[in-house]
PDB file of N, CA and C in Angstrom:
ATOM      1  N   MET A   1      17.583  29.328  21.905  1.00  0.00           N
ATOM      2  CA  MET A   1      17.387  28.653  20.633  1.00  0.00           C
ATOM      3  C   MET A   1      15.908  28.748  20.270  1.00  0.00           C
ATOM      4  N   ALA A   2      15.613  29.091  19.038  1.00  0.00           N
ATOM      5  CA  ALA A   2      14.234  29.196  18.576  1.00  0.00           C
ATOM      6  C   ALA A   2      13.576  27.823  18.590  1.00  0.00           C
ATOM      7  N   THR A   3      12.277  27.818  18.882  1.00  0.00           N
ATOM      8  CA  THR A   3      11.584  26.528  18.953  1.00  0.00           C
ATOM      9  C   THR A   3      11.483  25.847  17.604  1.00  0.00           C
ATOM     10  N   ASP A   4      11.526  26.603  16.502  1.00  0.00           N
ATOM     11  CA  ASP A   4      11.413  25.961  15.195  1.00  0.00           C
ATOM     12  C   ASP A   4      12.713  25.323  14.724  1.00  0.00           C
ATOM     13  N   THR A   5      13.767  25.427  15.503  1.00  0.00           N
ATOM     14  CA  THR A   5      15.014  24.724  15.182  1.00  0.00           C
ATOM     15  C   THR A   5      15.479  23.867  16.356  1.00  0.00           C
ATOM     16  N   LYS A   6      14.600  23.667  17.332  1.00  0.00           N
ATOM     17  CA  LYS A   6      14.975  22.913  18.531  1.00  0.00           C
ATOM     18  C   LYS A   6      15.567  21.560  18.153  1.00  0.00           C
ATOM     19  N   ASP A   7      16.656  21.223  18.776  1.00  0.00           N
ATOM     20  CA  ASP A   7      17.352  19.974  18.482  1.00  0.00           C
ATOM     21  C   ASP A   7      16.700  18.832  19.256  1.00  0.00           C
ATOM     22  N   THR A   8      15.520  18.443  18.813  1.00  0.00           N
ATOM     23  CA  THR A   8      14.822  17.344  19.468  1.00  0.00           C
ATOM     24  C   THR A   8      15.605  16.057  19.266  1.00  0.00           C
ATOM     25  N   LEU A   9      15.606  15.251  20.274  1.00  0.00           N
ATOM     26  CA  LEU A   9      16.340  13.993  20.191  1.00  0.00           C
ATOM     27  C   LEU A   9      15.445  12.871  19.690  1.00  0.00           C
ATOM     28  N   ALA A  10      16.036  11.993  18.941  1.00  0.00           N
ATOM     29  CA  ALA A  10      15.326  10.801  18.479  1.00  0.00           C
ATOM     30  C   ALA A  10      15.203   9.821  19.652  1.00  0.00           C
ATOM     31  N   LYS A  11      14.466   8.741  19.445  1.00  0.00           N
ATOM     32  CA  LYS A  11      14.272   7.743  20.513  1.00  0.00           C
ATOM     33  C   LYS A  11      15.592   7.172  21.019  1.00  0.00           C
ATOM     34  N   ASP A  12      16.594   7.115  20.130  1.00  0.00           N
ATOM     35  CA  ASP A  12      17.891   6.570  20.540  1.00  0.00           C
ATOM     36  C   ASP A  12      18.761   7.619  21.245  1.00  0.00           C
ATOM     37  N   GLY A  13      18.219   8.838  21.441  1.00  0.00           N
ATOM     38  CA  GLY A  13      18.947   9.885  22.144  1.00  0.00           C
ATOM     39  C   GLY A  13      19.876  10.700  21.263  1.00  0.00           C
ATOM     40  N   ALA A  14      19.942  10.369  19.977  1.00  0.00           N
ATOM     41  CA  ALA A  14      20.808  11.100  19.054  1.00  0.00           C
ATOM     42  C   ALA A  14      20.091  12.341  18.528  1.00  0.00           C
ATOM     43  N   SER A  15      20.861  13.273  18.041  1.00  0.00           N
ATOM     44  CA  SER A  15      20.308  14.485  17.450  1.00  0.00           C
ATOM     45  C   SER A  15      19.534  14.139  16.183  1.00  0.00           C
ATOM     46  N   ARG A  16      18.488  14.905  15.893  1.00  0.00           N
ATOM     47  CA  ARG A  16      17.768  14.697  14.632  1.00  0.00           C
ATOM     48  C   ARG A  16      18.594  15.189  13.454  1.00  0.00           C
ATOM     49  N   TYR A  17      19.604  16.025  13.738  1.00  0.00           N
ATOM     50  CA  TYR A  17      20.469  16.549  12.684  1.00  0.00           C
ATOM     51  C   TYR A  17      21.598  15.560  12.437  1.00  0.00           C
ATOM     52  N   ARG A  18      21.334  14.585  11.580  1.00  0.00           N
ATOM     53  CA  ARG A  18      22.344  13.575  11.258  1.00  0.00           C
ATOM     54  C   ARG A  18      22.144  13.103   9.833  1.00  0.00           C
ATOM     55  N   SER A  19      23.201  12.639   9.244  1.00  0.00           N
ATOM     56  CA  SER A  19      23.163  12.283   7.828  1.00  0.00           C
ATOM     57  C   SER A  19      22.238  11.108   7.534  1.00  0.00           C
ATOM     58  N   SER A  20      21.931  10.278   8.507  1.00  0.00           N
ATOM     59  CA  SER A  20      21.026   9.151   8.257  1.00  0.00           C
ATOM     60  C   SER A  20      19.583   9.622   8.050  1.00  0.00           C
ATOM     61  N   ASN A  21      19.283  10.881   8.343  1.00  0.00           N
ATOM     62  CA  ASN A  21      17.942  11.437   8.126  1.00  0.00           C
ATOM     63  C   ASN A  21      17.837  12.163   6.792  1.00  0.00           C
ATOM     64  N   THR A  22      18.759  11.922   5.907  1.00  0.00           N
ATOM     65  CA  THR A  22      18.768  12.632   4.628  1.00  0.00           C
ATOM     66  C   THR A  22      18.937  11.653   3.477  1.00  0.00           C
ATOM     67  N   PRO A  23      18.721  12.061   2.239  1.00  0.00           N
ATOM     68  CA  PRO A  23      18.651  13.428   1.764  1.00  0.00           C
ATOM     69  C   PRO A  23      17.337  14.096   2.185  1.00  0.00           C
ATOM     70  N   LEU A  24      17.399  15.409   2.293  1.00  0.00           N
ATOM     71  CA  LEU A  24      16.249  16.167   2.756  1.00  0.00           C
ATOM     72  C   LEU A  24      16.065  17.404   1.892  1.00  0.00           C
ATOM     73  N   ALA A  25      14.855  17.596   1.387  1.00  0.00           N
ATOM     74  CA  ALA A  25      14.500  18.797   0.634  1.00  0.00           C
ATOM     75  C   ALA A  25      13.545  19.609   1.495  1.00  0.00           C
ATOM     76  N   LEU A  26      13.883  20.867   1.733  1.00  0.00           N
ATOM     77  CA  LEU A  26      13.026  21.762   2.490  1.00  0.00           C
ATOM     78  C   LEU A  26      12.370  22.725   1.510  1.00  0.00           C
ATOM     79  N   TYR A  27      11.041  22.769   1.505  1.00  0.00           N
ATOM     80  CA  TYR A  27      10.296  23.670   0.644  1.00  0.00           C
ATOM     81  C   TYR A  27       9.665  24.739   1.528  1.00  0.00           C
ATOM     82  N   ARG A  28       9.884  26.011   1.170  1.00  0.00           N
ATOM     83  CA  ARG A  28       9.368  27.100   1.985  1.00  0.00           C
ATOM     84  C   ARG A  28       8.613  28.094   1.131  1.00  0.00           C
ATOM     85  N   GLY A  29       7.354  28.329   1.502  1.00  0.00           N
ATOM     86  CA  GLY A  29       6.580  29.376   0.859  1.00  0.00           C
ATOM     87  C   GLY A  29       7.054  30.731   1.349  1.00  0.00           C
ATOM     88  N   ALA A  30       7.104  31.705   0.459  1.00  0.00           N
ATOM     89  CA  ALA A  30       7.571  33.045   0.819  1.00  0.00           C
ATOM     90  C   ALA A  30       6.683  33.700   1.873  1.00  0.00           C
ATOM     91  N   LYS A  31       5.426  33.266   1.963  1.00  0.00           N
ATOM     92  CA  LYS A  31       4.490  33.827   2.944  1.00  0.00           C
ATOM     93  C   LYS A  31       4.380  32.956   4.197  1.00  0.00           C
ATOM     94  N   ASP A  32       5.310  32.045   4.392  1.00  0.00           N
ATOM     95  CA  ASP A  32       5.298  31.131   5.544  1.00  0.00           C
ATOM     96  C   ASP A  32       5.502  31.923   6.834  1.00  0.00           C
ATOM     97  N   ARG A  33       4.542  31.816   7.759  1.00  0.00           N
ATOM     98  CA  ARG A  33       4.651  32.490   9.053  1.00  0.00           C
ATOM     99  C   ARG A  33       4.939  31.492  10.177  1.00  0.00           C
ATOM    100  N   THR A  34       5.032  30.193   9.830  1.00  0.00           N
ATOM    101  CA  THR A  34       5.317  29.155  10.814  1.00  0.00           C
ATOM    102  C   THR A  34       6.809  28.911  10.936  1.00  0.00           C
ATOM    103  N   MET A  35       7.475  28.783   9.798  1.00  0.00           N
ATOM    104  CA  MET A  35       8.914  28.508   9.756  1.00  0.00           C
ATOM    105  C   MET A  35       9.584  29.707   9.107  1.00  0.00           C
ATOM    106  N   THR A  36      10.363  30.442   9.867  1.00  0.00           N
ATOM    107  CA  THR A  36      11.007  31.644   9.349  1.00  0.00           C
ATOM    108  C   THR A  36      12.121  31.288   8.369  1.00  0.00           C
ATOM    109  N   PRO A  37      12.507  32.218   7.492  1.00  0.00           N
ATOM    110  CA  PRO A  37      13.634  31.945   6.591  1.00  0.00           C
ATOM    111  C   PRO A  37      14.895  31.586   7.380  1.00  0.00           C
ATOM    112  N   TRP A  38      15.165  32.324   8.460  1.00  0.00           N
ATOM    113  CA  TRP A  38      16.333  32.033   9.283  1.00  0.00           C
ATOM    114  C   TRP A  38      16.283  30.597   9.815  1.00  0.00           C
ATOM    115  N   ALA A  39      15.116  30.180  10.294  1.00  0.00           N
ATOM    116  CA  ALA A  39      14.996  28.843  10.877  1.00  0.00           C
ATOM    117  C   ALA A  39      15.259  27.767   9.833  1.00  0.00           C
ATOM    118  N   GLN A  40      14.713  27.923   8.640  1.00  0.00           N
ATOM    119  CA  GLN A  40      14.972  26.910   7.614  1.00  0.00           C
ATOM    120  C   GLN A  40      16.441  26.898   7.222  1.00  0.00           C
ATOM    121  N   GLN A  41      17.050  28.063   7.115  1.00  0.00           N
ATOM    122  CA  GLN A  41      18.479  28.098   6.788  1.00  0.00           C
ATOM    123  C   GLN A  41      19.308  27.456   7.900  1.00  0.00           C
ATOM    124  N   GLU A  42      18.879  27.638   9.135  1.00  0.00           N
ATOM    125  CA  GLU A  42      19.584  27.028  10.269  1.00  0.00           C
ATOM    126  C   GLU A  42      19.432  25.503  10.256  1.00  0.00           C
ATOM    127  N   VAL A  43      18.233  25.018   9.973  1.00  0.00           N
ATOM    128  CA  VAL A  43      18.011  23.562   9.862  1.00  0.00           C
ATOM    129  C   VAL A  43      18.895  23.011   8.739  1.00  0.00           C
ATOM    130  N   GLN A  44      18.894  23.685   7.598  1.00  0.00           N
ATOM    131  CA  GLN A  44      19.730  23.247   6.480  1.00  0.00           C
ATOM    132  C   GLN A  44      21.204  23.233   6.885  1.00  0.00           C
ATOM    133  N   ARG A  45      21.668  24.302   7.530  1.00  0.00           N
ATOM    134  CA  ARG A  45      23.068  24.388   7.954  1.00  0.00           C
ATOM    135  C   ARG A  45      23.430  23.232   8.890  1.00  0.00           C
ATOM    136  N   ARG A  46      22.544  22.930   9.843  1.00  0.00           N
ATOM    137  CA  ARG A  46      22.830  21.861  10.803  1.00  0.00           C
ATOM    138  C   ARG A  46      22.898  20.496  10.131  1.00  0.00           C
ATOM    139  N   PHE A  47      21.991  20.223   9.198  1.00  0.00           N
ATOM    140  CA  PHE A  47      22.061  18.949   8.477  1.00  0.00           C
ATOM    141  C   PHE A  47      23.316  18.892   7.620  1.00  0.00           C
ATOM    142  N   ASN A  48      23.590  19.954   6.854  1.00  0.00           N
ATOM    143  CA  ASN A  48      24.758  19.949   5.972  1.00  0.00           C
ATOM    144  C   ASN A  48      26.059  19.847   6.758  1.00  0.00           C
ATOM    145  N   ALA A  49      26.088  20.338   7.981  1.00  0.00           N
ATOM    146  CA  ALA A  49      27.280  20.243   8.827  1.00  0.00           C
ATOM    147  C   ALA A  49      27.610  18.791   9.168  1.00  0.00           C
ATOM    148  N   THR A  50      26.630  17.886   9.066  1.00  0.00           N
ATOM    149  CA  THR A  50      26.875  16.470   9.339  1.00  0.00           C
ATOM    150  C   THR A  50      27.365  15.729   8.092  1.00  0.00           C
ATOM    151  N   GLY A  51      27.488  16.441   6.968  1.00  0.00           N
ATOM    152  CA  GLY A  51      27.855  15.808   5.711  1.00  0.00           C
ATOM    153  C   GLY A  51      26.643  15.344   4.934  1.00  0.00           C
ATOM    154  N   ALA A  52      25.470  15.703   5.407  1.00  0.00           N
ATOM    155  CA  ALA A  52      24.220  15.300   4.773  1.00  0.00           C
ATOM    156  C   ALA A  52      23.907  16.178   3.566  1.00  0.00           C
ATOM    157  N   VAL A  53      22.971  15.718   2.762  1.00  0.00           N
ATOM    158  CA  VAL A  53      22.444  16.519   1.661  1.00  0.00           C
ATOM    159  C   VAL A  53      21.120  17.105   2.117  1.00  0.00           C
ATOM    160  N   CYS A  54      21.079  18.425   2.208  1.00  0.00           N
ATOM    161  CA  CYS A  54      19.848  19.128   2.580  1.00  0.00           C
ATOM    162  C   CYS A  54      19.761  20.373   1.715  1.00  0.00           C
ATOM    163  N   ASP A  55      18.787  20.412   0.816  1.00  0.00           N
ATOM    164  CA  ASP A  55      18.597  21.550  -0.079  1.00  0.00           C
ATOM    165  C   ASP A  55      17.367  22.335   0.344  1.00  0.00           C
ATOM    166  N   LEU A  56      17.420  23.644   0.137  1.00  0.00           N
ATOM    167  CA  LEU A  56      16.343  24.550   0.501  1.00  0.00           C
ATOM    168  C   LEU A  56      15.750  25.152  -0.768  1.00  0.00           C
ATOM    169  N   PHE A  57      14.447  24.967  -0.956  1.00  0.00           N
ATOM    170  CA  PHE A  57      13.750  25.421  -2.151  1.00  0.00           C
ATOM    171  C   PHE A  57      12.701  26.460  -1.785  1.00  0.00           C
ATOM    172  N   ALA A  58      12.661  27.550  -2.558  1.00  0.00           N
ATOM    173  CA  ALA A  58      11.693  28.620  -2.315  1.00  0.00           C
ATOM    174  C   ALA A  58      10.490  28.472  -3.233  1.00  0.00           C
ATOM    175  N   VAL A  59       9.311  28.741  -2.660  1.00  0.00           N
ATOM    176  CA  VAL A  59       8.052  28.687  -3.404  1.00  0.00           C
ATOM    177  C   VAL A  59       7.341  30.029  -3.191  1.00  0.00           C
ATOM    178  N   PRO A  60       7.516  30.974  -4.124  1.00  0.00           N
ATOM    179  CA  PRO A  60       6.918  32.298  -3.959  1.00  0.00           C
ATOM    180  C   PRO A  60       5.387  32.257  -3.961  1.00  0.00           C
ATOM    181  N   GLY A  61       4.803  33.203  -3.213  1.00  0.00           N
ATOM    182  CA  GLY A  61       3.356  33.368  -3.230  1.00  0.00           C
ATOM    183  C   GLY A  61       2.575  32.391  -2.381  1.00  0.00           C
ATOM    184  N   HIS A  62       3.254  31.545  -1.597  1.00  0.00           N
ATOM    185  CA  HIS A  62       2.575  30.536  -0.801  1.00  0.00           C
ATOM    186  C   HIS A  62       3.029  30.599   0.652  1.00  0.00           C
ATOM    187  N   GLY A  63       2.214  29.999   1.528  1.00  0.00           N
ATOM    188  CA  GLY A  63       2.515  29.961   2.946  1.00  0.00           C
ATOM    189  C   GLY A  63       3.082  28.616   3.360  1.00  0.00           C
ATOM    190  N   HIS A  64       2.825  28.247   4.612  1.00  0.00           N
ATOM    191  CA  HIS A  64       3.404  27.027   5.183  1.00  0.00           C
ATOM    192  C   HIS A  64       2.719  25.760   4.678  1.00  0.00           C
ATOM    193  N   SER A  65       1.419  25.802   4.522  1.00  0.00           N
ATOM    194  CA  SER A  65       0.699  24.553   4.213  1.00  0.00           C
ATOM    195  C   SER A  65      -0.102  24.622   2.918  1.00  0.00           C
ATOM    196  N   ASP A  66       0.185  25.578   2.048  1.00  0.00           N
ATOM    197  CA  ASP A  66      -0.557  25.648   0.786  1.00  0.00           C
ATOM    198  C   ASP A  66       0.360  25.585  -0.438  1.00  0.00           C
ATOM    199  N   LEU A  67       1.463  24.857  -0.298  1.00  0.00           N
ATOM    200  CA  LEU A  67       2.426  24.764  -1.396  1.00  0.00           C
ATOM    201  C   LEU A  67       1.895  23.961  -2.578  1.00  0.00           C
ATOM    202  N   MET A  68       1.007  23.020  -2.306  1.00  0.00           N
ATOM    203  CA  MET A  68       0.445  22.190  -3.377  1.00  0.00           C
ATOM    204  C   MET A  68      -1.040  22.458  -3.467  1.00  0.00           C
ATOM    205  N   PRO A  69      -1.638  22.407  -4.606  1.00  0.00           N
ATOM    206  CA  PRO A  69      -1.094  21.891  -5.870  1.00  0.00           C
ATOM    207  C   PRO A  69      -0.475  22.946  -6.771  1.00  0.00           C
ATOM    208  N   SER A  70      -0.602  24.238  -6.434  1.00  0.00           N
ATOM    209  CA  SER A  70      -0.208  25.260  -7.410  1.00  0.00           C
ATOM    210  C   SER A  70       1.155  25.902  -7.176  1.00  0.00           C
ATOM    211  N   GLY A  71       1.847  25.571  -6.089  1.00  0.00           N
ATOM    212  CA  GLY A  71       3.146  26.192  -5.815  1.00  0.00           C
ATOM    213  C   GLY A  71       4.218  25.775  -6.804  1.00  0.00           C
ATOM    214  N   LEU A  72       5.019  26.752  -7.226  1.00  0.00           N
ATOM    215  CA  LEU A  72       6.113  26.493  -8.161  1.00  0.00           C
ATOM    216  C   LEU A  72       7.452  26.767  -7.474  1.00  0.00           C
ATOM    217  N   VAL A  73       8.339  25.792  -7.521  1.00  0.00           N
ATOM    218  CA  VAL A  73       9.673  25.944  -6.947  1.00  0.00           C
ATOM    219  C   VAL A  73      10.455  26.898  -7.845  1.00  0.00           C
ATOM    220  N   SER A  74      11.047  27.949  -7.236  1.00  0.00           N
ATOM    221  CA  SER A  74      11.746  28.948  -8.047  1.00  0.00           C
ATOM    222  C   SER A  74      13.252  28.997  -7.801  1.00  0.00           C
ATOM    223  N   THR A  75      13.711  28.561  -6.611  1.00  0.00           N
ATOM    224  CA  THR A  75      15.149  28.588  -6.335  1.00  0.00           C
ATOM    225  C   THR A  75      15.581  27.323  -5.602  1.00  0.00           C
ATOM    226  N   ARG A  76      16.856  27.005  -5.731  1.00  0.00           N
ATOM    227  CA  ARG A  76      17.492  25.926  -4.966  1.00  0.00           C
ATOM    228  C   ARG A  76      18.683  26.547  -4.252  1.00  0.00           C
ATOM    229  N   ASN A  77      18.638  26.555  -2.931  1.00  0.00           N
ATOM    230  CA  ASN A  77      19.717  27.155  -2.136  1.00  0.00           C
ATOM    231  C   ASN A  77      20.018  28.580  -2.603  1.00  0.00           C
ATOM    232  N   SER A  78      18.954  29.347  -2.833  1.00  0.00           N
ATOM    233  CA  SER A  78      19.001  30.764  -3.245  1.00  0.00           C
ATOM    234  C   SER A  78      19.436  30.991  -4.687  1.00  0.00           C
ATOM    235  N   VAL A  79      19.653  29.944  -5.455  1.00  0.00           N
ATOM    236  CA  VAL A  79      20.023  30.080  -6.865  1.00  0.00           C
ATOM    237  C   VAL A  79      18.760  29.850  -7.703  1.00  0.00           C
ATOM    238  N   PRO A  80      18.396  30.829  -8.565  1.00  0.00           N
ATOM    239  CA  PRO A  80      17.174  30.667  -9.372  1.00  0.00           C
ATOM    240  C   PRO A  80      17.243  29.445 -10.287  1.00  0.00           C
ATOM    241  N   LEU A  81      16.110  28.754 -10.406  1.00  0.00           N
ATOM    242  CA  LEU A  81      16.000  27.637 -11.343  1.00  0.00           C
ATOM    243  C   LEU A  81      15.701  28.196 -12.731  1.00  0.00           C
ATOM    244  N   ALA A  82      16.158  27.514 -13.756  1.00  0.00           N
ATOM    245  CA  ALA A  82      15.902  27.958 -15.127  1.00  0.00           C
ATOM    246  C   ALA A  82      14.410  27.952 -15.433  1.00  0.00           C
ATOM    247  N   HIS A  83      13.703  26.932 -14.928  1.00  0.00           N
ATOM    248  CA  HIS A  83      12.271  26.807 -15.165  1.00  0.00           C
ATOM    249  C   HIS A  83      11.587  26.416 -13.860  1.00  0.00           C
ATOM    250  N   PRO A  84      10.685  27.260 -13.333  1.00  0.00           N
ATOM    251  CA  PRO A  84       9.939  26.886 -12.127  1.00  0.00           C
ATOM    252  C   PRO A  84       9.157  25.595 -12.357  1.00  0.00           C
ATOM    253  N   VAL A  85       9.090  24.754 -11.328  1.00  0.00           N
ATOM    254  CA  VAL A  85       8.471  23.431 -11.420  1.00  0.00           C
ATOM    255  C   VAL A  85       7.478  23.269 -10.261  1.00  0.00           C
ATOM    256  N   PRO A  86       6.308  22.639 -10.495  1.00  0.00           N
ATOM    257  CA  PRO A  86       5.386  22.377  -9.385  1.00  0.00           C
ATOM    258  C   PRO A  86       6.074  21.584  -8.270  1.00  0.00           C
ATOM    259  N   VAL A  87       5.750  21.911  -7.030  1.00  0.00           N
ATOM    260  CA  VAL A  87       6.399  21.306  -5.864  1.00  0.00           C
ATOM    261  C   VAL A  87       6.345  19.779  -5.909  1.00  0.00           C
ATOM    262  N   LEU A  88       5.187  19.204  -6.163  1.00  0.00           N
ATOM    263  CA  LEU A  88       5.066  17.744  -6.136  1.00  0.00           C
ATOM    264  C   LEU A  88       5.974  17.098  -7.182  1.00  0.00           C
ATOM    265  N   ASN A  89       5.949  17.599  -8.401  1.00  0.00           N
ATOM    266  CA  ASN A  89       6.821  17.049  -9.447  1.00  0.00           C
ATOM    267  C   ASN A  89       8.282  17.231  -9.079  1.00  0.00           C
ATOM    268  N   HIS A  90       8.604  18.420  -8.564  1.00  0.00           N
ATOM    269  CA  HIS A  90       9.984  18.719  -8.197  1.00  0.00           C
ATOM    270  C   HIS A  90      10.484  17.774  -7.108  1.00  0.00           C
ATOM    271  N   SER A  91       9.661  17.535  -6.102  1.00  0.00           N
ATOM    272  CA  SER A  91      10.101  16.690  -4.984  1.00  0.00           C
ATOM    273  C   SER A  91      10.382  15.259  -5.429  1.00  0.00           C
ATOM    274  N   PHE A  92       9.554  14.712  -6.315  1.00  0.00           N
ATOM    275  CA  PHE A  92       9.804  13.357  -6.825  1.00  0.00           C
ATOM    276  C   PHE A  92      11.103  13.310  -7.626  1.00  0.00           C
ATOM    277  N   THR A  93      11.292  14.280  -8.506  1.00  0.00           N
ATOM    278  CA  THR A  93      12.493  14.315  -9.342  1.00  0.00           C
ATOM    279  C   THR A  93      13.742  14.507  -8.495  1.00  0.00           C
ATOM    280  N   TRP A  94      13.675  15.445  -7.533  1.00  0.00           N
ATOM    281  CA  TRP A  94      14.824  15.718  -6.667  1.00  0.00           C
ATOM    282  C   TRP A  94      15.224  14.470  -5.890  1.00  0.00           C
ATOM    283  N   LEU A  95      14.243  13.791  -5.283  1.00  0.00           N
ATOM    284  CA  LEU A  95      14.543  12.597  -4.496  1.00  0.00           C
ATOM    285  C   LEU A  95      15.113  11.481  -5.371  1.00  0.00           C
ATOM    286  N   ALA A  96      14.547  11.290  -6.554  1.00  0.00           N
ATOM    287  CA  ALA A  96      15.068  10.267  -7.466  1.00  0.00           C
ATOM    288  C   ALA A  96      16.517  10.564  -7.833  1.00  0.00           C
ATOM    289  N   GLU A  97      16.825  11.842  -8.072  1.00  0.00           N
ATOM    290  CA  GLU A  97      18.203  12.213  -8.398  1.00  0.00           C
ATOM    291  C   GLU A  97      19.133  11.935  -7.215  1.00  0.00           C
ATOM    292  N   GLN A  98      18.714  12.303  -6.014  1.00  0.00           N
ATOM    293  CA  GLN A  98      19.553  12.092  -4.826  1.00  0.00           C
ATOM    294  C   GLN A  98      19.806  10.619  -4.561  1.00  0.00           C
ATOM    295  N   LEU A  99      18.820   9.782  -4.823  1.00  0.00           N
ATOM    296  CA  LEU A  99      18.934   8.342  -4.562  1.00  0.00           C
ATOM    297  C   LEU A  99      19.399   7.569  -5.789  1.00  0.00           C
ATOM    298  N   HIS A 100      19.689   8.299  -6.880  1.00  0.00           N
ATOM    299  CA  HIS A 100      20.150   7.687  -8.136  1.00  0.00           C
ATOM    300  C   HIS A 100      19.165   6.652  -8.656  1.00  0.00           C
ATOM    301  N   LEU A 101      17.878   7.011  -8.617  1.00  0.00           N
ATOM    302  CA  LEU A 101      16.829   6.143  -9.121  1.00  0.00           C
ATOM    303  C   LEU A 101      16.454   6.557 -10.542  1.00  0.00           C
ATOM    304  N   PRO A 102      16.216   5.586 -11.429  1.00  0.00           N
ATOM    305  CA  PRO A 102      15.791   5.955 -12.787  1.00  0.00           C
ATOM    306  C   PRO A 102      14.357   6.489 -12.762  1.00  0.00           C
ATOM    307  N   MET A 103      14.097   7.505 -13.566  1.00  0.00           N
ATOM    308  CA  MET A 103      12.752   8.066 -13.684  1.00  0.00           C
ATOM    309  C   MET A 103      12.132   7.543 -14.977  1.00  0.00           C
ATOM    310  N   LEU A 104      10.917   7.047 -14.890  1.00  0.00           N
ATOM    311  CA  LEU A 104      10.198   6.599 -16.072  1.00  0.00           C
ATOM    312  C   LEU A 104       9.591   7.811 -16.775  1.00  0.00           C
ATOM    313  N   GLU A 105       9.605   7.790 -18.074  1.00  0.00           N
ATOM    314  CA  GLU A 105       9.037   8.926 -18.816  1.00  0.00           C
ATOM    315  C   GLU A 105       7.833   8.504 -19.583  1.00  0.00           C
TER     316      GLU A 105
END
């Protein structure tokens, strides 16, 4: 098993891949050399297998730790977005939608 998908156990001995750890948005820069595309897809698959919500978002032109402030989210689960959105704005909106929270305009 690759170290970037290692099933580390929580303090209670349970797997980290459980629905109580979600919703979860994974943002990956196309130039990321820390977390491979396969590893992120595997993490997403493991969370979704628990019935959790885990979405994978691509940020072209960026690496592992330089997604903000200029990274633009371009896809959700490999489906292109109609309009690319800055990562920070996208993450707030996505989480509010998942938790059914009203967004102030």
